[in-house]
Amino acid sequence: MQALSPLDPCPERLHDIAGALLNFLVQYNRLPPTLEDLKPVQGGAALVLTCPLSNQKYLYNPDGIKFPPNRWAIVYDPAPSHSNYRWAIVFSEATQRGGTPIPSNLAIPETEFKSATQIPTR
């Protein structure tokens, strides 16, 4: 399997989106209805809401896709375009009760992503 490229601009784009999400969350005490409702961090460039490799719009799920331990992917690549990985903004639980969740950018292997999104059968 090919390694992730250190020159991939996707994590930087997601970092900018994560900052805007965090600002929105702190200001309104909720996540935005859509990514288009976000404004760049003060002094920052306009947000780019598409993956640079696939040119597809990032997917946004304010409820998140649950990943252990206590992490939720809320913005992620629509396809495993990065050497069979999907870059994602993942929120972890706040370290303090009632605190703001902590966002980070993670490259999630497609196998892990698929298993997290499968609906269990009865």
Protein backbone atom coordinates (compact mmCIF):
# COMPACT_ATOMS: atom_id res chain seq x y z
CA MET A 1 0.00 0.00 0.00
CA GLN A 2 1.24 3.48 -0.88
CA ALA A 3 2.07 5.82 2.01
CA LEU A 4 0.24 9.09 2.63
CA SER A 5 1.99 12.05 1.02
CA PRO A 6 3.45 14.69 3.34
CA LEU A 7 2.69 17.19 0.55
CA ASP A 8 -1.06 16.42 0.51
CA PRO A 9 -2.94 19.74 1.05
CA CYS A 10 -6.05 17.97 2.41
CA PRO A 11 -5.00 18.07 6.11
CA GLU A 12 -4.31 21.80 5.86
CA ARG A 13 -7.74 22.44 4.32
CA LEU A 14 -9.38 20.40 7.08
CA HIS A 15 -7.34 22.25 9.70
CA ASP A 16 -8.80 25.54 8.45
CA ILE A 17 -12.33 24.06 8.52
CA ALA A 18 -11.75 22.67 12.03
CA GLY A 19 -10.76 26.13 13.26
CA ALA A 20 -13.91 27.64 11.75
CA LEU A 21 -16.03 24.84 13.28
CA LEU A 22 -14.50 25.46 16.69
CA ASN A 23 -15.13 29.22 16.43
CA PHE A 24 -18.76 28.57 15.44
CA LEU A 25 -19.20 26.09 18.30
CA VAL A 26 -17.81 28.49 20.87
CA GLN A 27 -19.85 31.42 19.53
CA TYR A 28 -23.22 29.64 19.10
CA ASN A 29 -22.85 26.60 21.40
CA ARG A 30 -23.75 24.29 18.50
CA LEU A 31 -22.35 23.10 15.20
CA PRO A 32 -23.47 24.87 12.00
CA PRO A 33 -26.27 23.43 9.85
CA THR A 34 -23.90 23.25 6.84
CA LEU A 35 -20.22 23.85 6.14
CA GLU A 36 -21.23 26.78 3.94
CA ASP A 37 -22.39 28.56 7.12
CA LEU A 38 -18.78 28.73 8.35
CA LYS A 39 -16.60 31.79 8.11
CA PRO A 40 -12.80 31.59 7.97
CA VAL A 41 -10.86 32.29 11.14
CA GLN A 42 -10.21 36.04 11.39
CA GLY A 43 -7.53 37.03 8.91
CA GLY A 44 -7.63 33.61 7.24
CA ALA A 45 -8.18 32.77 3.61
CA ALA A 46 -11.56 31.63 2.31
CA LEU A 47 -12.41 28.08 3.29
CA VAL A 48 -12.03 25.44 0.58
CA LEU A 49 -14.67 22.75 1.13
CA THR A 50 -13.44 20.20 -1.42
CA CYS A 51 -10.84 17.46 -1.31
CA PRO A 52 -7.82 18.50 -3.42
CA LEU A 53 -7.35 14.99 -4.85
CA SER A 54 -10.91 13.96 -5.71
CA ASN A 55 -12.26 17.53 -6.18
CA GLN A 56 -15.39 16.32 -4.37
CA LYS A 57 -17.03 18.31 -1.59
CA TYR A 58 -16.17 17.14 1.94
CA LEU A 59 -19.05 15.36 3.66
CA TYR A 60 -20.43 16.90 6.85
CA ASN A 61 -22.29 15.00 9.53
CA PRO A 62 -22.88 17.12 12.67
CA ASP A 63 -23.90 13.97 14.59
CA GLY A 64 -20.62 12.34 13.59
CA ILE A 65 -19.56 8.83 12.77
CA LYS A 66 -18.47 7.10 15.98
CA PHE A 67 -14.93 5.75 16.22
CA PRO A 68 -13.46 4.26 19.37
CA PRO A 69 -12.46 5.52 21.84
CA ASN A 70 -15.01 8.35 22.15
CA ARG A 71 -14.25 10.06 18.84
CA TRP A 72 -16.61 11.29 16.11
CA ALA A 73 -15.72 12.11 12.50
CA ILE A 74 -17.87 15.08 11.51
CA VAL A 75 -16.17 16.22 8.28
CA TYR A 76 -14.52 13.69 6.00
CA ASP A 77 -13.45 12.82 2.48
CA PRO A 78 -16.25 11.40 0.33
CA ALA A 79 -13.90 8.69 -0.98
CA PRO A 80 -10.65 6.99 0.11
CA SER A 81 -8.64 9.16 -2.30
CA HIS A 82 -5.49 9.27 -0.17
CA SER A 83 -3.78 5.88 -0.58
CA ASN A 84 -6.98 4.14 0.62
CA TYR A 85 -7.42 6.55 3.54
CA ARG A 86 -10.00 9.27 4.17
CA TRP A 87 -8.89 12.44 5.89
CA ALA A 88 -11.37 13.57 8.53
CA ILE A 89 -11.97 16.14 11.24
CA VAL A 90 -12.51 14.07 14.35
CA PHE A 91 -13.85 15.47 17.61
CA SER A 92 -12.78 13.86 20.85
CA GLU A 93 -14.63 14.33 24.13
CA ALA A 94 -13.70 17.45 26.06
CA THR A 95 -11.14 16.95 28.78
CA GLN A 96 -13.29 18.94 31.23
CA ARG A 97 -16.96 18.35 31.90
CA GLY A 98 -18.95 20.83 29.83
CA GLY A 99 -15.84 21.83 27.87
CA THR A 100 -15.49 22.22 24.13
CA PRO A 101 -14.71 19.03 22.18
CA ILE A 102 -11.19 18.83 20.80
CA PRO A 103 -10.90 18.63 16.97
CA SER A 104 -8.03 16.92 15.16
CA ASN A 105 -7.30 15.80 11.63
CA LEU A 106 -6.89 12.07 11.16
CA ALA A 107 -6.26 9.84 8.19
CA ILE A 108 -8.70 6.96 8.68
CA PRO A 109 -8.03 3.70 6.81
CA GLU A 110 -10.91 2.76 4.52
CA THR A 111 -11.41 -0.57 6.33
CA GLU A 112 -11.90 1.24 9.65
CA PHE A 113 -14.16 3.83 8.02
CA LYS A 114 -16.32 1.17 6.36
CA SER A 115 -16.71 -0.83 9.58
CA ALA A 116 -17.77 2.33 11.48
CA THR A 117 -20.42 3.19 8.89
CA GLN A 118 -21.96 -0.27 8.51
CA ILE A 119 -25.45 -0.66 9.90
CA PRO A 120 -25.62 -3.73 12.17
CA THR A 121 -28.06 -6.41 11.13
CA ARG A 122 -30.50 -7.95 13.58
